[in-house]
Amino acid sequence: MNADLQALFDAQRAASRVHTDVPLVMRRDRLQRVQRLLERDGAALAAAVNADFGNRSAQLTEVADLMVLRATIADALRHLARWSRLQRVRTPLYLLPARGWVQRQPLGVVGVISPWNYPLQLSLGPAATALAAGNRVMLKPSELTPRTSALLAECVARDFAADEFCVVNGDAELAARFSQLPFDHLFFTGSTSVGRKVAAAAAANLTPTTLELGGKSPCILDASCRVEDAAAKIAHGKLLNAGQTCIAPDYVLLPRAMEGAFVEAFTRAANRLFPRFDRNPDYAALLDDRHAARLDALVADAQAQGARVHAVAVPSAGSGTRQMVPRLVLGATSNMALMQQEIFGPVLPVIACESSADAIAFINARPRPLALYWFGDDTAQRDAVLQGTVSGGVTVNDTLMHVAHEGLPFGGVGESGWGASHGEAGFLRFTHQKAVLVQSKWGGGKLLYPPYGARFDRMMKLLRRWV
């Protein structure tokens, strides 16, 4: 596979160098081929996702993967002409009558390494955006969803030549070799620990990267919030895909007096969404037994250190479905493992804070999160949190929804990643913005050539008035 991997890369690189300019008609055609793939193979892909998870409904895959992909492609098709055109820029007075513009060009070959939790959205989404920008794409999907990854390779191969867009499958060793290829850009979605390895491998080739990593995304409940509404929205954001979402709420910060009301409201909301958890087709299973055991260990560690655990329903004995009953962990502290790791499952720590300032200080004492959620009606307190914290993105009075807005860039900051995807921000991530200046025959640059003397001094004195 190593030789095959190199051969695929070499073919794409050669094609990208021969066809540096990729006209709009070709970019549209490639996007439309991805659209047709989704329509033709969407149901089969959703079935493969369900089989890989053990339980993940076609409806969940439709709303969380396929619908998002359709929106991404439709937005790109709608705006592609504007995003791609020359960007005229104003020429400063001292350079007139020269003209300048920015020419947006494809980078060349883009590598995409995608994760298992949303195996369609997080693979085909960045791939489609890279194709819109005129690039060739090599996609390495997760080996943890083998049926979905294998079917993706078949589907893509039906519609694309290997030197346009191809899927390569293999284990973590192949992923490591993939990240060592000298791509023109490498896009990785996954954990922070693996992201460090990808960044280090790419750095050897000076390959620019976009890293969409994890991060402990906090929810702040202000004293002014409507607890019932906030709990319902947090429950939805936390339990979508059983918490296996990079921007899922990771912990809750709230006034101490609000804790009991929140626990009751969250429990009611969770049971409205999922009247049962075991064998409920709407409630996703955890990916595998190892992941389930890890979550149980996090909860056990918290209990051993004095935390109280509240299950929102009675767990079914011996169900074997990996559909974990959600648990709230009350009295969580910073030294507990579940406050040091991204949880990535239906476990939600709840931490009492004395004030909004304490909540801000708690967040700022930790790595910058991928997302932040704030609930309340006090705009002054809202703005204090927005100004006082740094996160990849924010949704106010809801969870997850900022990621659904194609006009907003999506990405992390610090340990939660770097670079942005979605909309024009994502398009530009896969685009080289080439500066072009066309000098006029009337240009006065020669007046600044040596030998320096009185004429040069007069010109510099004049220029200082204009700069």
Protein backbone atom coordinates (compact mmCIF):
# COMPACT_ATOMS: atom_id res chain seq x y z
CA MET A 1 0.00 0.00 0.00
CA ASN A 2 2.94 2.36 0.61
CA ALA A 3 3.92 2.26 -3.08
CA ASP A 4 0.27 2.61 -4.11
CA LEU A 5 -0.15 5.60 -1.79
CA GLN A 6 2.89 7.31 -3.26
CA ALA A 7 1.74 6.53 -6.81
CA LEU A 8 -1.69 8.06 -6.16
CA PHE A 9 -0.09 11.17 -4.71
CA ASP A 10 2.39 11.47 -7.58
CA ALA A 11 -0.44 11.21 -10.15
CA GLN A 12 -2.46 13.93 -8.43
CA ARG A 13 0.56 16.18 -8.02
CA ALA A 14 1.54 15.82 -11.68
CA ALA A 15 -2.03 16.58 -12.80
CA SER A 16 -2.24 19.62 -10.52
CA ARG A 17 0.98 21.04 -11.97
CA VAL A 18 -0.13 20.52 -15.57
CA HIS A 19 -3.60 21.97 -14.96
CA THR A 20 -2.78 24.85 -12.62
CA ASP A 21 -5.83 26.83 -13.67
CA VAL A 22 -9.09 25.00 -12.99
CA PRO A 23 -12.00 26.78 -14.66
CA LEU A 24 -15.30 27.36 -12.89
CA VAL A 25 -17.11 24.91 -15.14
CA MET A 26 -14.82 22.09 -13.97
CA ARG A 27 -15.13 23.06 -10.31
CA ARG A 28 -18.92 23.12 -10.59
CA ASP A 29 -18.90 19.76 -12.32
CA ARG A 30 -16.89 18.19 -9.51
CA LEU A 31 -19.20 19.61 -6.86
CA GLN A 32 -22.23 18.37 -8.76
CA ARG A 33 -20.70 14.91 -8.92
CA VAL A 34 -20.45 14.90 -5.13
CA GLN A 35 -24.09 16.03 -5.01
CA ARG A 36 -25.12 13.12 -7.22
CA LEU A 37 -23.11 10.72 -5.08
CA LEU A 38 -25.08 11.83 -2.00
CA GLU A 39 -28.41 11.37 -3.76
CA ARG A 40 -27.51 8.01 -5.29
CA ASP A 41 -25.60 6.47 -2.39
CA GLY A 42 -26.85 8.37 0.68
CA ALA A 43 -29.14 5.60 1.90
CA ALA A 44 -26.44 2.95 1.49
CA LEU A 45 -23.89 5.13 3.25
CA ALA A 46 -26.31 5.75 6.15
CA ALA A 47 -26.82 1.98 6.45
CA ALA A 48 -23.06 1.48 6.57
CA VAL A 49 -22.75 4.10 9.34
CA ASN A 50 -25.49 2.32 11.29
CA ALA A 51 -23.67 -1.00 10.92
CA ASP A 52 -20.36 0.51 12.05
CA PHE A 53 -21.89 2.06 15.19
CA GLY A 54 -24.15 -0.85 16.05
CA ASN A 55 -27.01 1.65 16.23
CA ARG A 56 -27.14 5.03 14.51
CA SER A 57 -30.39 5.84 12.81
CA ALA A 58 -30.65 6.87 9.18
CA GLN A 59 -32.50 9.98 10.39
CA LEU A 60 -29.55 11.03 12.57
CA THR A 61 -27.15 10.52 9.68
CA GLU A 62 -29.49 12.50 7.43
CA VAL A 63 -29.64 15.54 9.72
CA ALA A 64 -26.07 15.47 11.06
CA ASP A 65 -24.14 14.31 7.99
CA LEU A 66 -26.04 14.40 4.71
CA MET A 67 -28.07 17.59 5.23
CA VAL A 68 -24.96 19.46 6.33
CA LEU A 69 -23.11 18.22 3.24
CA ARG A 70 -25.92 19.30 0.95
CA ALA A 71 -25.87 22.77 2.52
CA THR A 72 -22.08 23.00 2.15
CA ILE A 73 -22.18 22.09 -1.54
CA ALA A 74 -25.18 24.30 -2.33
CA ASP A 75 -23.49 27.25 -0.63
CA ALA A 76 -20.29 26.67 -2.61
CA LEU A 77 -22.14 26.41 -5.92
CA ARG A 78 -24.07 29.59 -5.12
CA HIS A 79 -21.00 31.67 -4.30
CA LEU A 80 -18.24 29.99 -6.28
CA ALA A 81 -18.01 32.64 -9.01
CA ARG A 82 -17.60 35.45 -6.48
CA TRP A 83 -15.14 33.53 -4.32
CA SER A 84 -12.96 32.67 -7.32
CA ARG A 85 -12.78 36.00 -9.13
CA LEU A 86 -9.88 38.44 -9.05
CA GLN A 87 -9.95 40.68 -5.99
CA ARG A 88 -9.13 44.22 -7.05
CA VAL A 89 -7.25 46.22 -4.43
CA ARG A 90 -6.75 49.96 -4.13
CA THR A 91 -3.27 51.09 -5.16
CA PRO A 92 -1.59 53.54 -2.75
CA LEU A 93 -0.89 56.99 -4.10
CA TYR A 94 2.89 56.54 -4.14
CA LEU A 95 2.60 53.51 -6.47
CA LEU A 96 0.19 55.01 -8.98
CA PRO A 97 -0.45 54.49 -11.84
CA ALA A 98 0.36 50.80 -11.17
CA ARG A 99 -2.55 48.38 -10.68
CA GLY A 100 -2.86 45.54 -8.19
CA TRP A 101 -5.08 42.57 -7.54
CA VAL A 102 -5.19 39.26 -5.68
CA GLN A 103 -5.51 36.18 -7.87
CA ARG A 104 -7.11 33.20 -6.14
CA GLN A 105 -5.61 29.92 -7.31
CA PRO A 106 -5.82 26.25 -6.28
CA LEU A 107 -3.07 25.08 -3.97
CA GLY A 108 -2.66 21.77 -5.80
CA VAL A 109 -3.14 18.51 -3.87
CA VAL A 110 -5.06 18.52 -0.59
CA GLY A 111 -4.97 15.64 1.88
CA VAL A 112 -7.95 15.07 4.20
CA ILE A 113 -7.80 12.80 7.26
CA SER A 114 -11.30 12.39 8.67
CA PRO A 115 -12.66 10.91 11.93
CA TRP A 116 -15.26 8.28 12.77
CA ASN A 117 -17.90 10.25 14.66
CA TYR A 118 -19.50 11.96 11.63
CA PRO A 119 -17.87 9.83 8.94
CA LEU A 120 -19.65 11.43 5.96
CA GLN A 121 -19.86 15.10 6.90
CA LEU A 122 -16.29 15.35 8.16
CA SER A 123 -14.82 13.55 5.16
CA LEU A 124 -16.81 14.76 2.17
CA GLY A 125 -17.30 18.26 3.59
CA PRO A 126 -13.65 19.40 3.51
CA ALA A 127 -13.10 17.35 0.33
CA ALA A 128 -15.94 19.17 -1.46
CA THR A 129 -14.63 22.56 -0.33
CA ALA A 130 -11.14 21.69 -1.57
CA LEU A 131 -12.62 20.62 -4.92
CA ALA A 132 -14.53 23.90 -5.11
CA ALA A 133 -11.21 25.71 -4.71
CA GLY A 134 -9.88 23.77 -7.72
CA ASN A 135 -7.69 21.24 -5.90
CA ARG A 136 -7.11 17.52 -6.28
CA VAL A 137 -8.05 15.60 -3.12
CA MET A 138 -6.83 12.45 -1.38
CA LEU A 139 -9.09 11.35 1.48
CA LYS A 140 -8.10 9.00 4.32
CA PRO A 141 -11.27 8.14 6.29
CA SER A 142 -11.26 6.47 9.70
CA GLU A 143 -10.45 2.79 10.02
CA LEU A 144 -12.82 2.70 13.02
CA THR A 145 -15.83 2.87 10.66
CA PRO A 146 -14.61 0.26 8.14
CA ARG A 147 -17.89 -0.36 6.31
CA THR A 148 -18.50 3.34 5.74
CA SER A 149 -14.91 3.96 4.67
CA ALA A 150 -14.93 1.06 2.21
CA LEU A 151 -18.21 2.18 0.68
CA LEU A 152 -16.96 5.77 0.42
CA ALA A 153 -14.00 4.53 -1.61
CA GLU A 154 -16.32 2.66 -3.99
CA CYS A 155 -18.71 5.60 -4.38
CA VAL A 156 -15.97 8.15 -5.06
CA ALA A 157 -14.25 5.85 -7.56
CA ARG A 158 -17.47 5.65 -9.60
CA ASP A 159 -17.57 9.40 -10.15
CA PHE A 160 -13.97 10.58 -10.08
CA ALA A 161 -10.68 9.70 -11.73
CA ALA A 162 -8.04 8.78 -9.18
CA ASP A 163 -5.98 11.84 -10.09
CA GLU A 164 -8.99 14.09 -9.27
CA PHE A 165 -10.34 12.68 -6.01
CA CYS A 166 -9.60 9.35 -4.40
CA VAL A 167 -10.12 7.55 -1.10
CA VAL A 168 -7.38 5.48 0.51
CA ASN A 169 -8.20 3.08 3.33
CA GLY A 170 -5.96 1.56 5.94
CA ASP A 171 -4.98 1.54 9.60
CA ALA A 172 -3.21 4.07 11.80
CA GLU A 173 0.14 3.15 10.24
CA LEU A 174 -1.14 4.11 6.80
CA ALA A 175 -2.58 7.34 8.26
CA ALA A 176 0.90 8.18 9.58
CA ARG A 177 2.42 7.64 6.11
CA PHE A 178 -0.42 9.66 4.59
CA SER A 179 0.39 12.64 6.82
CA GLN A 180 4.04 12.47 5.73
CA LEU A 181 3.21 13.07 2.05
CA PRO A 182 4.20 16.54 0.79
CA PHE A 183 0.65 17.80 0.26
CA ASP A 184 -0.01 21.41 -0.65
CA HIS A 185 -2.40 21.42 2.33
CA LEU A 186 -3.37 18.81 4.92
CA PHE A 187 -6.76 18.95 6.66
CA PHE A 188 -7.13 16.85 9.83
CA THR A 189 -10.13 16.36 12.10
CA GLY A 190 -9.64 14.36 15.28
CA SER A 191 -8.20 14.39 18.76
CA THR A 192 -5.66 16.90 20.02
CA SER A 193 -3.11 14.15 20.74
CA VAL A 194 -3.23 12.80 17.18
CA GLY A 195 -3.37 16.34 15.82
CA ARG A 196 0.05 17.01 17.35
CA LYS A 197 1.48 14.02 15.48
CA VAL A 198 -0.12 15.12 12.20
CA ALA A 199 1.23 18.65 12.59
CA ALA A 200 4.73 17.34 13.32
CA ALA A 201 4.68 15.05 10.27
CA ALA A 202 3.42 17.85 8.01
CA ALA A 203 6.04 20.26 9.33
CA ALA A 204 8.82 18.12 7.88
CA ASN A 205 7.52 19.07 4.40
CA LEU A 206 6.48 22.60 5.40
CA THR A 207 2.95 21.48 4.54
CA PRO A 208 0.35 23.97 5.82
CA THR A 209 -2.37 22.38 7.90
CA THR A 210 -5.87 22.90 9.15
CA LEU A 211 -6.48 21.09 12.42
CA GLU A 212 -10.02 20.67 13.71
CA LEU A 213 -9.42 19.14 17.12
CA GLY A 214 -11.37 18.48 20.27
CA GLY A 215 -11.59 20.64 23.31
CA LYS A 216 -13.66 20.87 26.44
CA SER A 217 -16.51 23.13 25.35
CA PRO A 218 -18.19 24.80 28.35
CA CYS A 219 -21.81 25.83 28.88
CA ILE A 220 -22.35 28.86 31.08
CA LEU A 221 -25.78 29.32 32.67
CA ASP A 222 -26.17 32.93 33.73
CA ALA A 223 -28.40 33.80 36.66
CA SER A 224 -30.77 35.41 34.13
CA CYS A 225 -31.29 32.23 32.09
CA ARG A 226 -34.49 30.22 31.74
CA VAL A 227 -33.34 26.92 33.23
CA GLU A 228 -35.92 24.69 31.58
CA ASP A 229 -35.11 26.03 28.09
CA ALA A 230 -31.34 25.95 28.67
CA ALA A 231 -31.43 22.37 29.99
CA ALA A 232 -33.46 21.18 26.98
CA LYS A 233 -30.99 22.68 24.52
CA ILE A 234 -27.97 21.41 26.43
CA ALA A 235 -29.52 17.93 26.56
CA HIS A 236 -30.04 17.96 22.80
CA GLY A 237 -26.50 19.20 22.11
CA LYS A 238 -24.97 16.72 24.55
CA LEU A 239 -26.96 13.66 23.50
CA LEU A 240 -26.86 14.12 19.74
CA ASN A 241 -24.82 11.13 18.53
CA ALA A 242 -24.58 10.11 22.21
CA GLY A 243 -22.17 12.96 22.89
CA GLN A 244 -19.70 11.80 20.24
CA THR A 245 -19.45 15.31 18.80
CA CYS A 246 -16.39 17.56 18.92
CA ILE A 247 -18.49 20.62 19.86
CA ALA A 248 -20.81 18.82 22.30
CA PRO A 249 -21.20 20.60 25.65
CA ASP A 250 -18.42 19.14 27.79
CA TYR A 251 -19.25 20.67 31.16
CA VAL A 252 -21.72 23.13 32.72
CA LEU A 253 -20.88 26.14 34.86
CA LEU A 254 -23.84 27.56 36.82
CA PRO A 255 -24.80 29.42 40.00
CA ARG A 256 -24.87 27.06 42.97
CA ALA A 257 -28.52 27.87 43.68
CA MET A 258 -29.47 26.70 40.17
CA GLU A 259 -27.91 23.23 40.38
CA GLY A 260 -30.96 21.30 41.63
CA ALA A 261 -33.32 22.91 39.12
CA PHE A 262 -30.89 22.17 36.28
CA VAL A 263 -30.54 18.50 37.23
CA GLU A 264 -34.31 18.08 37.27
CA ALA A 265 -34.80 20.00 34.00
CA PHE A 266 -32.00 18.12 32.21
CA THR A 267 -33.45 14.78 33.35
CA ARG A 268 -36.90 15.71 32.05
CA ALA A 269 -35.47 16.94 28.74
CA ALA A 270 -33.34 13.83 28.20
CA ASN A 271 -36.32 11.57 28.79
CA ARG A 272 -38.50 13.60 26.43
CA LEU A 273 -35.91 13.25 23.70
CA PHE A 274 -35.38 9.55 24.40
CA PRO A 275 -38.26 7.89 26.31
CA ARG A 276 -35.92 4.93 26.59
CA PHE A 277 -32.20 4.63 25.93
CA ASP A 278 -31.73 0.90 25.49
CA ARG A 279 -32.75 -0.30 22.00
CA ASN A 280 -34.01 3.14 21.03
CA PRO A 281 -33.34 3.58 17.29
CA ASP A 282 -33.09 7.36 17.74
CA TYR A 283 -30.31 7.18 20.34
CA ALA A 284 -26.87 6.43 18.93
CA ALA A 285 -24.68 3.71 20.36
CA LEU A 286 -21.13 4.36 21.48
CA LEU A 287 -18.68 3.32 18.79
CA ASP A 288 -17.14 0.35 20.61
CA ASP A 289 -16.67 -1.36 23.96
CA ARG A 290 -13.32 0.33 24.56
CA HIS A 291 -14.93 3.76 24.31
CA ALA A 292 -17.74 2.70 26.68
CA ALA A 293 -15.21 1.35 29.19
CA ARG A 294 -13.25 4.60 29.02
CA LEU A 295 -16.37 6.65 29.90
CA ASP A 296 -17.23 4.32 32.79
CA ALA A 297 -13.67 4.73 34.08
CA LEU A 298 -13.96 8.52 33.97
CA VAL A 299 -17.17 8.40 36.02
CA ALA A 300 -15.68 5.91 38.49
CA ASP A 301 -12.64 8.13 38.99
CA ALA A 302 -14.89 11.13 39.70
CA GLN A 303 -16.96 9.13 42.20
CA ALA A 304 -13.83 7.94 43.95
CA GLN A 305 -12.84 11.58 44.43
CA GLY A 306 -16.19 12.54 45.95
CA ALA A 307 -18.38 13.51 42.98
CA ARG A 308 -22.07 12.60 42.97
CA VAL A 309 -23.41 10.86 39.86
CA HIS A 310 -26.99 11.28 38.68
CA ALA A 311 -28.22 8.92 35.94
CA VAL A 312 -31.21 10.31 34.05
CA ALA A 313 -32.75 6.82 33.79
CA VAL A 314 -32.22 3.35 35.22
CA PRO A 315 -29.61 1.51 33.11
CA SER A 316 -30.77 -1.76 31.55
CA ALA A 317 -28.80 -4.74 32.79
CA GLY A 318 -26.87 -6.64 30.15
CA SER A 319 -28.45 -5.00 27.11
CA GLY A 320 -25.24 -5.22 25.07
CA THR A 321 -26.24 -2.30 22.84
CA ARG A 322 -23.62 0.28 24.00
CA GLN A 323 -26.46 2.82 24.31
CA MET A 324 -25.23 4.46 27.49
CA VAL A 325 -27.69 6.14 29.85
CA PRO A 326 -26.65 9.81 30.25
CA ARG A 327 -25.11 10.78 33.57
CA LEU A 328 -24.60 14.12 35.28
CA VAL A 329 -21.52 14.37 37.50
CA LEU A 330 -22.11 16.88 40.30
CA GLY A 331 -19.29 18.42 42.26
CA ALA A 332 -16.66 17.77 39.58
CA THR A 333 -13.23 19.22 40.31
CA SER A 334 -10.24 20.08 38.20
CA ASN A 335 -8.13 17.12 39.37
CA MET A 336 -10.67 14.57 38.09
CA ALA A 337 -9.81 12.82 34.83
CA LEU A 338 -13.13 13.80 33.23
CA MET A 339 -12.18 17.47 33.66
CA GLN A 340 -8.78 16.90 32.04
CA GLN A 341 -9.87 14.90 28.99
CA GLU A 342 -12.43 15.54 26.29
CA ILE A 343 -15.36 13.36 27.35
CA PHE A 344 -16.90 12.53 23.96
CA GLY A 345 -19.90 10.72 25.37
CA PRO A 346 -23.13 11.15 27.39
CA VAL A 347 -21.44 12.21 30.64
CA LEU A 348 -21.82 15.84 31.71
CA PRO A 349 -19.98 17.41 34.68
CA VAL A 350 -21.85 20.20 36.48
CA ILE A 351 -19.75 22.76 38.37
CA ALA A 352 -21.10 25.46 40.66
CA CYS A 353 -19.62 28.96 40.28
CA GLU A 354 -20.18 31.90 42.57
CA SER A 355 -20.26 34.50 39.76
CA SER A 356 -19.90 35.07 36.05
CA ALA A 357 -16.37 36.31 36.71
CA ASP A 358 -15.56 32.97 38.35
CA ALA A 359 -16.88 31.12 35.29
CA ILE A 360 -14.70 33.24 33.00
CA ALA A 361 -11.65 32.63 35.19
CA PHE A 362 -12.35 28.88 35.23
CA ILE A 363 -12.46 28.75 31.41
CA ASN A 364 -9.39 30.95 30.96
CA ALA A 365 -7.33 28.75 33.28
CA ARG A 366 -7.67 25.92 30.74
CA PRO A 367 -6.80 25.38 27.06
CA ARG A 368 -9.01 27.41 24.77
CA PRO A 369 -12.16 25.47 23.84
CA LEU A 370 -13.49 24.63 20.40
CA ALA A 371 -16.95 25.97 21.31
CA LEU A 372 -18.56 27.93 24.12
CA TYR A 373 -22.25 28.15 24.98
CA TRP A 374 -23.88 30.89 27.05
CA PHE A 375 -27.46 30.98 28.27
CA GLY A 376 -29.24 34.01 29.66
CA ASP A 377 -31.08 37.27 28.98
CA ASP A 378 -28.58 39.71 30.51
CA THR A 379 -26.77 41.17 27.49
CA ALA A 380 -24.16 42.90 29.66
CA GLN A 381 -23.18 39.56 31.20
CA ARG A 382 -23.25 37.91 27.76
CA ASP A 383 -20.91 40.53 26.33
CA ALA A 384 -18.59 40.20 29.34
CA VAL A 385 -18.21 36.50 28.57
CA LEU A 386 -17.77 37.08 24.83
CA GLN A 387 -15.08 39.68 25.46
CA GLY A 388 -13.44 37.88 28.36
CA THR A 389 -12.97 34.43 26.77
CA VAL A 390 -11.43 33.08 23.58
CA SER A 391 -12.96 30.03 21.87
CA GLY A 392 -13.26 28.65 18.37
CA GLY A 393 -16.92 29.64 18.14
CA VAL A 394 -19.93 30.55 20.28
CA THR A 395 -23.65 29.87 20.28
CA VAL A 396 -25.77 32.03 22.58
CA ASN A 397 -28.94 30.50 24.05
CA ASP A 398 -28.48 27.23 22.19
CA THR A 399 -25.85 24.61 21.44
CA LEU A 400 -24.14 23.45 18.23
CA MET A 401 -26.00 25.89 15.96
CA HIS A 402 -23.06 28.10 15.00
CA VAL A 403 -21.63 25.15 13.07
CA ALA A 404 -24.77 25.05 10.89
CA HIS A 405 -24.26 28.64 9.65
CA GLU A 406 -22.30 28.44 6.39
CA GLY A 407 -21.51 32.14 6.61
CA LEU A 408 -19.58 31.69 9.86
CA PRO A 409 -16.05 30.26 9.89
CA PHE A 410 -15.68 27.07 11.93
CA GLY A 411 -12.46 26.10 13.61
CA GLY A 412 -10.49 25.97 16.80
CA VAL A 413 -7.89 28.05 18.55
CA GLY A 414 -4.81 26.85 20.39
CA GLU A 415 -5.19 23.25 21.54
CA SER A 416 -8.62 23.02 19.90
CA GLY A 417 -7.02 23.51 16.49
CA TRP A 418 -6.22 26.16 13.92
CA GLY A 419 -7.56 27.25 10.58
CA ALA A 420 -11.18 27.54 9.55
CA SER A 421 -13.61 25.65 7.37
CA HIS A 422 -17.12 26.40 6.06
CA GLY A 423 -18.14 28.96 3.49
CA GLU A 424 -15.69 31.42 2.05
CA ALA A 425 -13.33 30.94 5.02
CA GLY A 426 -12.99 27.26 4.14
CA PHE A 427 -12.61 28.03 0.44
CA LEU A 428 -9.77 30.43 1.20
CA ARG A 429 -8.08 27.83 3.39
CA PHE A 430 -7.59 25.73 0.25
CA THR A 431 -6.68 28.69 -1.97
CA HIS A 432 -3.44 30.50 -2.70
CA GLN A 433 -4.01 34.25 -2.78
CA LYS A 434 -1.37 35.43 -5.23
CA ALA A 435 -0.45 39.11 -5.14
CA VAL A 436 -0.12 40.70 -8.59
CA LEU A 437 1.13 44.23 -9.33
CA VAL A 438 1.24 45.51 -12.91
CA GLN A 439 3.60 48.42 -13.28
CA SER A 440 2.78 51.28 -15.63
CA LYS A 441 5.26 52.66 -18.12
CA TRP A 442 4.68 55.94 -16.31
CA GLY A 443 5.73 54.46 -12.98
CA GLY A 444 8.16 56.58 -10.95
CA GLY A 445 10.13 53.80 -9.29
CA LYS A 446 13.32 54.81 -11.05
CA LEU A 447 13.33 58.03 -9.06
CA LEU A 448 14.31 55.93 -6.04
CA TYR A 449 17.17 54.06 -7.72
CA PRO A 450 20.76 54.79 -6.69
CA PRO A 451 23.01 56.64 -6.83
CA TYR A 452 21.36 58.47 -3.94
CA GLY A 453 21.61 62.21 -3.69
CA ALA A 454 19.58 65.40 -3.57
CA ARG A 455 16.93 64.07 -5.98
CA PHE A 456 16.41 61.00 -3.79
CA ASP A 457 16.13 63.15 -0.65
CA ARG A 458 13.48 65.34 -2.30
CA MET A 459 11.45 62.28 -3.37
CA MET A 460 11.61 60.74 0.12
CA LYS A 461 10.50 64.02 1.67
CA LEU A 462 7.55 64.11 -0.73
CA LEU A 463 6.65 60.44 -0.10
CA ARG A 464 6.63 60.96 3.65
CA ARG A 465 3.71 63.35 3.19
CA TRP A 466 1.71 60.62 1.41
CA VAL A 467 2.46 57.65 3.63
